[in-house]
């Protein structure tokens, strides 16, 4: 039987993604969807592959970091 520390850890692990999204001020990506080429998510702006780490950090993201940064400057 798990002790109170194991239970607290399990609850924290379940709540972590939602807490990160709230802290970042977003619940997901609200821009364009990625373009899928041969099963690879690609940037809707430049066509470069979107790294898995970026897609994991921002579910549904459709632009690469460089294009997102360029769009913020405009």
C-alpha atoms as a PDB file:
ATOM      1  CA  UNK A   1       0.000   0.000   0.000  1.00  0.00           C
ATOM      2  CA  UNK A   2       1.439   3.394  -0.987  1.00  0.00           C
ATOM      3  CA  UNK A   3       2.253   5.800   1.769  1.00  0.00           C
ATOM      4  CA  UNK A   4       1.224   9.448   1.872  1.00  0.00           C
ATOM      5  CA  UNK A   5       4.403  10.534   0.073  1.00  0.00           C
ATOM      6  CA  UNK A   6       3.754   8.137  -2.816  1.00  0.00           C
ATOM      7  CA  UNK A   7       0.191   9.417  -3.065  1.00  0.00           C
ATOM      8  CA  UNK A   8       1.352  13.041  -3.065  1.00  0.00           C
ATOM      9  CA  UNK A   9       3.869  12.282  -5.791  1.00  0.00           C
ATOM     10  CA  UNK A  10       1.208  10.594  -7.930  1.00  0.00           C
ATOM     11  CA  UNK A  11      -1.141  13.570  -7.560  1.00  0.00           C
ATOM     12  CA  UNK A  12       1.625  16.031  -8.425  1.00  0.00           C
ATOM     13  CA  UNK A  13       2.591  14.042 -11.529  1.00  0.00           C
ATOM     14  CA  UNK A  14      -1.032  14.019 -12.732  1.00  0.00           C
ATOM     15  CA  UNK A  15      -1.451  17.779 -12.162  1.00  0.00           C
ATOM     16  CA  UNK A  16       1.928  18.929 -13.521  1.00  0.00           C
ATOM     17  CA  UNK A  17       0.981  19.400 -17.235  1.00  0.00           C
ATOM     18  CA  UNK A  18      -2.099  21.476 -16.388  1.00  0.00           C
ATOM     19  CA  UNK A  19      -0.130  23.580 -13.910  1.00  0.00           C
ATOM     20  CA  UNK A  20       2.577  24.293 -16.476  1.00  0.00           C
ATOM     21  CA  UNK A  21      -0.025  25.295 -19.071  1.00  0.00           C
ATOM     22  CA  UNK A  22      -1.735  27.626 -16.587  1.00  0.00           C
ATOM     23  CA  UNK A  23       1.589  29.187 -15.596  1.00  0.00           C
ATOM     24  CA  UNK A  24       2.465  29.738 -19.237  1.00  0.00           C
ATOM     25  CA  UNK A  25      -0.905  31.408 -19.781  1.00  0.00           C
ATOM     26  CA  UNK A  26      -2.125  28.946 -22.374  1.00  0.00           C
ATOM     27  CA  UNK A  27      -3.791  25.581 -22.567  1.00  0.00           C
ATOM     28  CA  UNK A  28      -2.522  24.698 -26.024  1.00  0.00           C
ATOM     29  CA  UNK A  29      -1.592  26.137 -29.380  1.00  0.00           C
ATOM     30  CA  UNK A  30      -4.102  28.511 -30.968  1.00  0.00           C
ATOM     31  CA  UNK A  31      -2.274  29.189 -34.240  1.00  0.00           C
ATOM     32  CA  UNK A  32      -2.150  27.237 -37.485  1.00  0.00           C
ATOM     33  CA  UNK A  33      -1.984  23.458 -37.513  1.00  0.00           C
ATOM     34  CA  UNK A  34       1.263  21.816 -38.618  1.00  0.00           C
ATOM     35  CA  UNK A  35       1.604  20.562 -42.171  1.00  0.00           C
ATOM     36  CA  UNK A  36       2.165  16.804 -42.150  1.00  0.00           C
ATOM     37  CA  UNK A  37       4.692  15.583 -44.717  1.00  0.00           C
ATOM     38  CA  UNK A  38       5.442  11.848 -44.757  1.00  0.00           C
ATOM     39  CA  UNK A  39       4.286  11.566 -41.144  1.00  0.00           C
ATOM     40  CA  UNK A  40       6.453  14.462 -39.955  1.00  0.00           C
ATOM     41  CA  UNK A  41       4.913  17.618 -38.454  1.00  0.00           C
ATOM     42  CA  UNK A  42       6.279  20.565 -40.406  1.00  0.00           C
ATOM     43  CA  UNK A  43       6.035  24.317 -39.923  1.00  0.00           C
ATOM     44  CA  UNK A  44       3.041  25.920 -41.641  1.00  0.00           C
ATOM     45  CA  UNK A  45       5.235  28.939 -42.450  1.00  0.00           C
ATOM     46  CA  UNK A  46       8.589  27.612 -43.709  1.00  0.00           C
ATOM     47  CA  UNK A  47       8.040  23.858 -44.052  1.00  0.00           C
ATOM     48  CA  UNK A  48      10.875  22.812 -41.720  1.00  0.00           C
ATOM     49  CA  UNK A  49      10.250  19.882 -39.374  1.00  0.00           C
ATOM     50  CA  UNK A  50       8.999  20.885 -35.928  1.00  0.00           C
ATOM     51  CA  UNK A  51      11.128  19.176 -33.242  1.00  0.00           C
ATOM     52  CA  UNK A  52       9.360  16.666 -30.992  1.00  0.00           C
ATOM     53  CA  UNK A  53      10.403  18.607 -27.890  1.00  0.00           C
ATOM     54  CA  UNK A  54       8.582  21.707 -29.176  1.00  0.00           C
ATOM     55  CA  UNK A  55       5.471  19.684 -30.060  1.00  0.00           C
ATOM     56  CA  UNK A  56       5.504  18.086 -26.601  1.00  0.00           C
ATOM     57  CA  UNK A  57       5.877  21.452 -24.856  1.00  0.00           C
ATOM     58  CA  UNK A  58       3.128  23.096 -26.923  1.00  0.00           C
ATOM     59  CA  UNK A  59       0.598  20.503 -28.127  1.00  0.00           C
ATOM     60  CA  UNK A  60      -0.783  21.227 -31.589  1.00  0.00           C
ATOM     61  CA  UNK A  61       1.890  23.791 -32.434  1.00  0.00           C
ATOM     62  CA  UNK A  62       2.011  24.500 -36.158  1.00  0.00           C
ATOM     63  CA  UNK A  63       5.075  26.707 -36.572  1.00  0.00           C
ATOM     64  CA  UNK A  64       8.739  26.231 -35.724  1.00  0.00           C
ATOM     65  CA  UNK A  65      10.416  28.345 -33.053  1.00  0.00           C
ATOM     66  CA  UNK A  66      12.183  30.537 -35.631  1.00  0.00           C
ATOM     67  CA  UNK A  67       8.938  31.421 -37.432  1.00  0.00           C
ATOM     68  CA  UNK A  68       7.118  31.980 -34.136  1.00  0.00           C
ATOM     69  CA  UNK A  69       9.894  34.323 -33.022  1.00  0.00           C
ATOM     70  CA  UNK A  70       9.806  36.159 -36.365  1.00  0.00           C
ATOM     71  CA  UNK A  71       6.035  36.547 -36.073  1.00  0.00           C
ATOM     72  CA  UNK A  72       6.366  38.057 -32.609  1.00  0.00           C
ATOM     73  CA  UNK A  73       8.778  40.691 -33.938  1.00  0.00           C
ATOM     74  CA  UNK A  74       6.402  41.744 -36.715  1.00  0.00           C
END
